[in-house]
């Protein structure tokens, strides 16, 4: 799968805005930053396969 260049640009900009401390100690916050930036740029974030969704105990 090839990531569209526009998405790469949004991801890169979001990561460049993150601090080193955020990337090292709060990677979930950096991931949320990227997700919000993509959604703000008009991208839709969602699962690609149903089996990647919510899991339940057997």
PDB file of N, CA and C in Angstrom:
ATOM      1  N   UNK A   1       0.841  -1.171   0.000  1.00  0.00           N
ATOM      2  CA  UNK A   1       0.000   0.000   0.000  1.00  0.00           C
ATOM      3  C   UNK A   1       0.892   1.242   0.000  1.00  0.00           C
ATOM      4  N   UNK A   2       0.554   2.192  -0.822  1.00  0.00           N
ATOM      5  CA  UNK A   2       1.303   3.435  -0.919  1.00  0.00           C
ATOM      6  C   UNK A   2       0.507   4.551  -0.266  1.00  0.00           C
ATOM      7  N   UNK A   3       1.141   5.282   0.615  1.00  0.00           N
ATOM      8  CA  UNK A   3       0.485   6.397   1.287  1.00  0.00           C
ATOM      9  C   UNK A   3       0.499   7.609   0.366  1.00  0.00           C
ATOM     10  N   UNK A   4      -0.651   8.259   0.177  1.00  0.00           N
ATOM     11  CA  UNK A   4      -0.693   9.449  -0.682  1.00  0.00           C
ATOM     12  C   UNK A   4       0.244  10.544  -0.164  1.00  0.00           C
ATOM     13  N   UNK A   5       0.939  11.236  -1.060  1.00  0.00           N
ATOM     14  CA  UNK A   5       1.869  12.286  -0.638  1.00  0.00           C
ATOM     15  C   UNK A   5       1.227  13.365   0.238  1.00  0.00           C
ATOM     16  N   UNK A   6      -0.046  13.685  -0.007  1.00  0.00           N
ATOM     17  CA  UNK A   6      -0.709  14.707   0.813  1.00  0.00           C
ATOM     18  C   UNK A   6      -0.838  14.241   2.256  1.00  0.00           C
ATOM     19  N   UNK A   7      -1.144  12.966   2.454  1.00  0.00           N
ATOM     20  CA  UNK A   7      -1.255  12.437   3.814  1.00  0.00           C
ATOM     21  C   UNK A   7       0.109  12.433   4.490  1.00  0.00           C
ATOM     22  N   UNK A   8       1.135  12.082   3.761  1.00  0.00           N
ATOM     23  CA  UNK A   8       2.495  12.075   4.313  1.00  0.00           C
ATOM     24  C   UNK A   8       2.881  13.482   4.762  1.00  0.00           C
ATOM     25  N   UNK A   9       2.508  14.485   3.970  1.00  0.00           N
ATOM     26  CA  UNK A   9       2.828  15.869   4.320  1.00  0.00           C
ATOM     27  C   UNK A   9       2.127  16.284   5.612  1.00  0.00           C
ATOM     28  N   UNK A  10       0.865  15.889   5.781  1.00  0.00           N
ATOM     29  CA  UNK A  10       0.124  16.224   6.999  1.00  0.00           C
ATOM     30  C   UNK A  10       0.739  15.516   8.201  1.00  0.00           C
ATOM     31  N   UNK A  11       1.066  14.225   8.039  1.00  0.00           N
ATOM     32  CA  UNK A  11       1.672  13.455   9.123  1.00  0.00           C
ATOM     33  C   UNK A  11       3.011  14.055   9.530  1.00  0.00           C
ATOM     34  N   UNK A  12       3.825  14.376   8.536  1.00  0.00           N
ATOM     35  CA  UNK A  12       5.148  14.939   8.828  1.00  0.00           C
ATOM     36  C   UNK A  12       5.027  16.270   9.562  1.00  0.00           C
ATOM     37  N   UNK A  13       4.118  17.125   9.123  1.00  0.00           N
ATOM     38  CA  UNK A  13       3.937  18.425   9.776  1.00  0.00           C
ATOM     39  C   UNK A  13       3.478  18.252  11.220  1.00  0.00           C
ATOM     40  N   UNK A  14       2.568  17.300  11.450  1.00  0.00           N
ATOM     41  CA  UNK A  14       2.089  17.064  12.817  1.00  0.00           C
ATOM     42  C   UNK A  14       3.207  16.548  13.708  1.00  0.00           C
ATOM     43  N   UNK A  15       4.034  15.661  13.189  1.00  0.00           N
ATOM     44  CA  UNK A  15       5.141  15.134  13.988  1.00  0.00           C
ATOM     45  C   UNK A  15       6.219  16.180  14.224  1.00  0.00           C
ATOM     46  N   UNK A  16       6.435  17.064  13.252  1.00  0.00           N
ATOM     47  CA  UNK A  16       7.413  18.129  13.445  1.00  0.00           C
ATOM     48  C   UNK A  16       6.952  19.117  14.509  1.00  0.00           C
ATOM     49  N   UNK A  17       5.627  19.258  14.678  1.00  0.00           N
ATOM     50  CA  UNK A  17       5.101  20.152  15.707  1.00  0.00           C
ATOM     51  C   UNK A  17       5.192  19.543  17.104  1.00  0.00           C
ATOM     52  N   UNK A  18       5.316  18.227  17.170  1.00  0.00           N
ATOM     53  CA  UNK A  18       5.414  17.548  18.466  1.00  0.00           C
ATOM     54  C   UNK A  18       6.799  17.777  19.069  1.00  0.00           C
ATOM     55  N   UNK A  19       6.848  17.825  20.383  1.00  0.00           N
ATOM     56  CA  UNK A  19       8.143  17.966  21.050  1.00  0.00           C
ATOM     57  C   UNK A  19       8.798  16.589  21.188  1.00  0.00           C
ATOM     58  N   UNK A  20      10.089  16.581  21.398  1.00  0.00           N
ATOM     59  CA  UNK A  20      10.806  15.315  21.589  1.00  0.00           C
ATOM     60  C   UNK A  20      10.275  14.591  22.829  1.00  0.00           C
ATOM     61  N   UNK A  21       9.984  15.344  23.874  1.00  0.00           N
ATOM     62  CA  UNK A  21       9.452  14.733  25.099  1.00  0.00           C
ATOM     63  C   UNK A  21       8.105  14.068  24.826  1.00  0.00           C
ATOM     64  N   UNK A  22       7.270  14.732  24.031  1.00  0.00           N
ATOM     65  CA  UNK A  22       5.970  14.148  23.695  1.00  0.00           C
ATOM     66  C   UNK A  22       6.149  12.848  22.912  1.00  0.00           C
ATOM     67  N   UNK A  23       7.042  12.850  21.959  1.00  0.00           N
ATOM     68  CA  UNK A  23       7.280  11.655  21.155  1.00  0.00           C
ATOM     69  C   UNK A  23       7.831  10.505  21.996  1.00  0.00           C
ATOM     70  N   UNK A  24       8.721  10.821  22.931  1.00  0.00           N
ATOM     71  CA  UNK A  24       9.350   9.776  23.744  1.00  0.00           C
ATOM     72  C   UNK A  24       8.483   9.290  24.897  1.00  0.00           C
ATOM     73  N   UNK A  25       7.831  10.218  25.578  1.00  0.00           N
ATOM     74  CA  UNK A  25       7.139   9.863  26.803  1.00  0.00           C
ATOM     75  C   UNK A  25       5.618   9.768  26.666  1.00  0.00           C
ATOM     76  N   UNK A  26       5.087  10.329  25.610  1.00  0.00           N
ATOM     77  CA  UNK A  26       3.638  10.311  25.397  1.00  0.00           C
ATOM     78  C   UNK A  26       3.326  10.014  23.928  1.00  0.00           C
ATOM     79  N   UNK A  27       3.740   8.845  23.426  1.00  0.00           N
ATOM     80  CA  UNK A  27       3.510   8.551  22.007  1.00  0.00           C
ATOM     81  C   UNK A  27       2.033   8.540  21.637  1.00  0.00           C
ATOM     82  N   UNK A  28       1.158   8.216  22.609  1.00  0.00           N
ATOM     83  CA  UNK A  28      -0.277   8.257  22.314  1.00  0.00           C
ATOM     84  C   UNK A  28      -0.717   9.684  21.975  1.00  0.00           C
ATOM     85  N   UNK A  29      -0.137  10.665  22.626  1.00  0.00           N
ATOM     86  CA  UNK A  29      -0.482  12.060  22.346  1.00  0.00           C
ATOM     87  C   UNK A  29      -0.005  12.457  20.950  1.00  0.00           C
ATOM     88  N   UNK A  30       1.174  11.982  20.561  1.00  0.00           N
ATOM     89  CA  UNK A  30       1.676  12.259  19.216  1.00  0.00           C
ATOM     90  C   UNK A  30       0.782  11.597  18.169  1.00  0.00           C
ATOM     91  N   UNK A  31       0.332  10.372  18.456  1.00  0.00           N
ATOM     92  CA  UNK A  31      -0.560   9.677  17.525  1.00  0.00           C
ATOM     93  C   UNK A  31      -1.889  10.423  17.398  1.00  0.00           C
ATOM     94  N   UNK A  32      -2.414  10.918  18.529  1.00  0.00           N
ATOM     95  CA  UNK A  32      -3.653  11.697  18.490  1.00  0.00           C
ATOM     96  C   UNK A  32      -3.442  12.990  17.712  1.00  0.00           C
ATOM     97  N   UNK A  33      -2.291  13.607  17.871  1.00  0.00           N
ATOM     98  CA  UNK A  33      -1.967  14.837  17.138  1.00  0.00           C
ATOM     99  C   UNK A  33      -2.036  14.572  15.629  1.00  0.00           C
ATOM    100  N   UNK A  34      -1.447  13.450  15.192  1.00  0.00           N
ATOM    101  CA  UNK A  34      -1.453  13.090  13.772  1.00  0.00           C
ATOM    102  C   UNK A  34      -2.873  12.804  13.304  1.00  0.00           C
ATOM    103  N   UNK A  35      -3.621  12.041  14.092  1.00  0.00           N
ATOM    104  CA  UNK A  35      -4.994  11.706  13.733  1.00  0.00           C
ATOM    105  C   UNK A  35      -5.850  12.956  13.582  1.00  0.00           C
ATOM    106  N   UNK A  36      -5.738  13.873  14.529  1.00  0.00           N
ATOM    107  CA  UNK A  36      -6.510  15.121  14.469  1.00  0.00           C
ATOM    108  C   UNK A  36      -6.090  15.962  13.263  1.00  0.00           C
ATOM    109  N   UNK A  37      -4.801  15.999  12.978  1.00  0.00           N
ATOM    110  CA  UNK A  37      -4.322  16.778  11.827  1.00  0.00           C
ATOM    111  C   UNK A  37      -4.866  16.203  10.520  1.00  0.00           C
ATOM    112  N   UNK A  38      -4.880  14.877  10.405  1.00  0.00           N
ATOM    113  CA  UNK A  38      -5.421  14.254   9.197  1.00  0.00           C
ATOM    114  C   UNK A  38      -6.908  14.539   9.057  1.00  0.00           C
ATOM    115  N   UNK A  39      -7.659  14.408  10.143  1.00  0.00           N
ATOM    116  CA  UNK A  39      -9.093  14.681  10.092  1.00  0.00           C
ATOM    117  C   UNK A  39      -9.352  16.148   9.761  1.00  0.00           C
ATOM    118  N   UNK A  40      -8.563  17.052  10.326  1.00  0.00           N
ATOM    119  CA  UNK A  40      -8.713  18.484  10.050  1.00  0.00           C
ATOM    120  C   UNK A  40      -8.428  18.785   8.575  1.00  0.00           C
ATOM    121  N   UNK A  41      -7.519  18.017   7.974  1.00  0.00           N
ATOM    122  CA  UNK A  41      -7.179  18.206   6.561  1.00  0.00           C
ATOM    123  C   UNK A  41      -8.181  17.521   5.631  1.00  0.00           C
ATOM    124  N   UNK A  42      -9.201  16.870   6.206  1.00  0.00           N
ATOM    125  CA  UNK A  42     -10.239  16.276   5.381  1.00  0.00           C
ATOM    126  C   UNK A  42     -10.147  14.779   5.173  1.00  0.00           C
ATOM    127  N   UNK A  43      -9.178  14.130   5.787  1.00  0.00           N
ATOM    128  CA  UNK A  43      -9.040  12.685   5.665  1.00  0.00           C
ATOM    129  C   UNK A  43     -10.003  12.009   6.630  1.00  0.00           C
ATOM    130  N   UNK A  44     -10.492  10.846   6.249  1.00  0.00           N
ATOM    131  CA  UNK A  44     -11.365  10.062   7.100  1.00  0.00           C
ATOM    132  C   UNK A  44     -10.544   8.947   7.734  1.00  0.00           C
ATOM    133  N   UNK A  45     -10.584   8.867   9.050  1.00  0.00           N
ATOM    134  CA  UNK A  45      -9.836   7.851   9.779  1.00  0.00           C
ATOM    135  C   UNK A  45     -10.819   6.756  10.186  1.00  0.00           C
ATOM    136  N   UNK A  46     -10.526   5.526   9.811  1.00  0.00           N
ATOM    137  CA  UNK A  46     -11.395   4.417  10.177  1.00  0.00           C
ATOM    138  C   UNK A  46     -10.702   3.099   9.912  1.00  0.00           C
ATOM    139  N   UNK A  47     -11.265   2.019  10.433  1.00  0.00           N
ATOM    140  CA  UNK A  47     -10.659   0.701  10.221  1.00  0.00           C
ATOM    141  C   UNK A  47     -10.765   0.280   8.760  1.00  0.00           C
ATOM    142  N   UNK A  48      -9.773  -0.481   8.316  1.00  0.00           N
ATOM    143  CA  UNK A  48      -9.792  -0.972   6.946  1.00  0.00           C
ATOM    144  C   UNK A  48     -10.430  -2.343   6.845  1.00  0.00           C
ATOM    145  N   UNK A  49     -10.464  -3.072   7.948  1.00  0.00           N
ATOM    146  CA  UNK A  49     -11.052  -4.407   7.970  1.00  0.00           C
ATOM    147  C   UNK A  49     -11.889  -4.543   9.232  1.00  0.00           C
ATOM    148  N   UNK A  50     -13.042  -5.177   9.147  1.00  0.00           N
ATOM    149  CA  UNK A  50     -13.864  -5.356  10.344  1.00  0.00           C
ATOM    150  C   UNK A  50     -13.147  -6.108  11.467  1.00  0.00           C
ATOM    151  N   UNK A  51     -12.268  -7.043  11.143  1.00  0.00           N
ATOM    152  CA  UNK A  51     -11.600  -7.809  12.189  1.00  0.00           C
ATOM    153  C   UNK A  51     -10.620  -6.968  13.001  1.00  0.00           C
ATOM    154  N   UNK A  52     -10.360  -5.719  12.572  1.00  0.00           N
ATOM    155  CA  UNK A  52      -9.493  -4.844  13.342  1.00  0.00           C
ATOM    156  C   UNK A  52     -10.270  -4.018  14.351  1.00  0.00           C
ATOM    157  N   UNK A  53     -11.566  -4.236  14.460  1.00  0.00           N
ATOM    158  CA  UNK A  53     -12.395  -3.454  15.343  1.00  0.00           C
ATOM    159  C   UNK A  53     -12.334  -3.917  16.782  1.00  0.00           C
ATOM    160  N   UNK A  54     -13.335  -3.538  17.545  1.00  0.00           N
ATOM    161  CA  UNK A  54     -13.404  -3.842  18.975  1.00  0.00           C
ATOM    162  C   UNK A  54     -13.363  -5.356  19.193  1.00  0.00           C
ATOM    163  N   UNK A  55     -12.577  -5.780  20.152  1.00  0.00           N
ATOM    164  CA  UNK A  55     -12.416  -7.205  20.470  1.00  0.00           C
ATOM    165  C   UNK A  55     -13.211  -7.536  21.721  1.00  0.00           C
ATOM    166  N   UNK A  56     -13.777  -8.738  21.763  1.00  0.00           N
ATOM    167  CA  UNK A  56     -14.491  -9.212  22.956  1.00  0.00           C
ATOM    168  C   UNK A  56     -13.839 -10.484  23.470  1.00  0.00           C
ATOM    169  N   UNK A  57     -13.944 -10.681  24.763  1.00  0.00           N
ATOM    170  CA  UNK A  57     -13.362 -11.879  25.371  1.00  0.00           C
ATOM    171  C   UNK A  57     -14.131 -13.123  24.913  1.00  0.00           C
ATOM    172  N   UNK A  58     -13.421 -14.238  24.788  1.00  0.00           N
ATOM    173  CA  UNK A  58     -14.043 -15.487  24.347  1.00  0.00           C
ATOM    174  C   UNK A  58     -14.851 -16.112  25.447  1.00  0.00           C
TER     175      UNK A  58
END
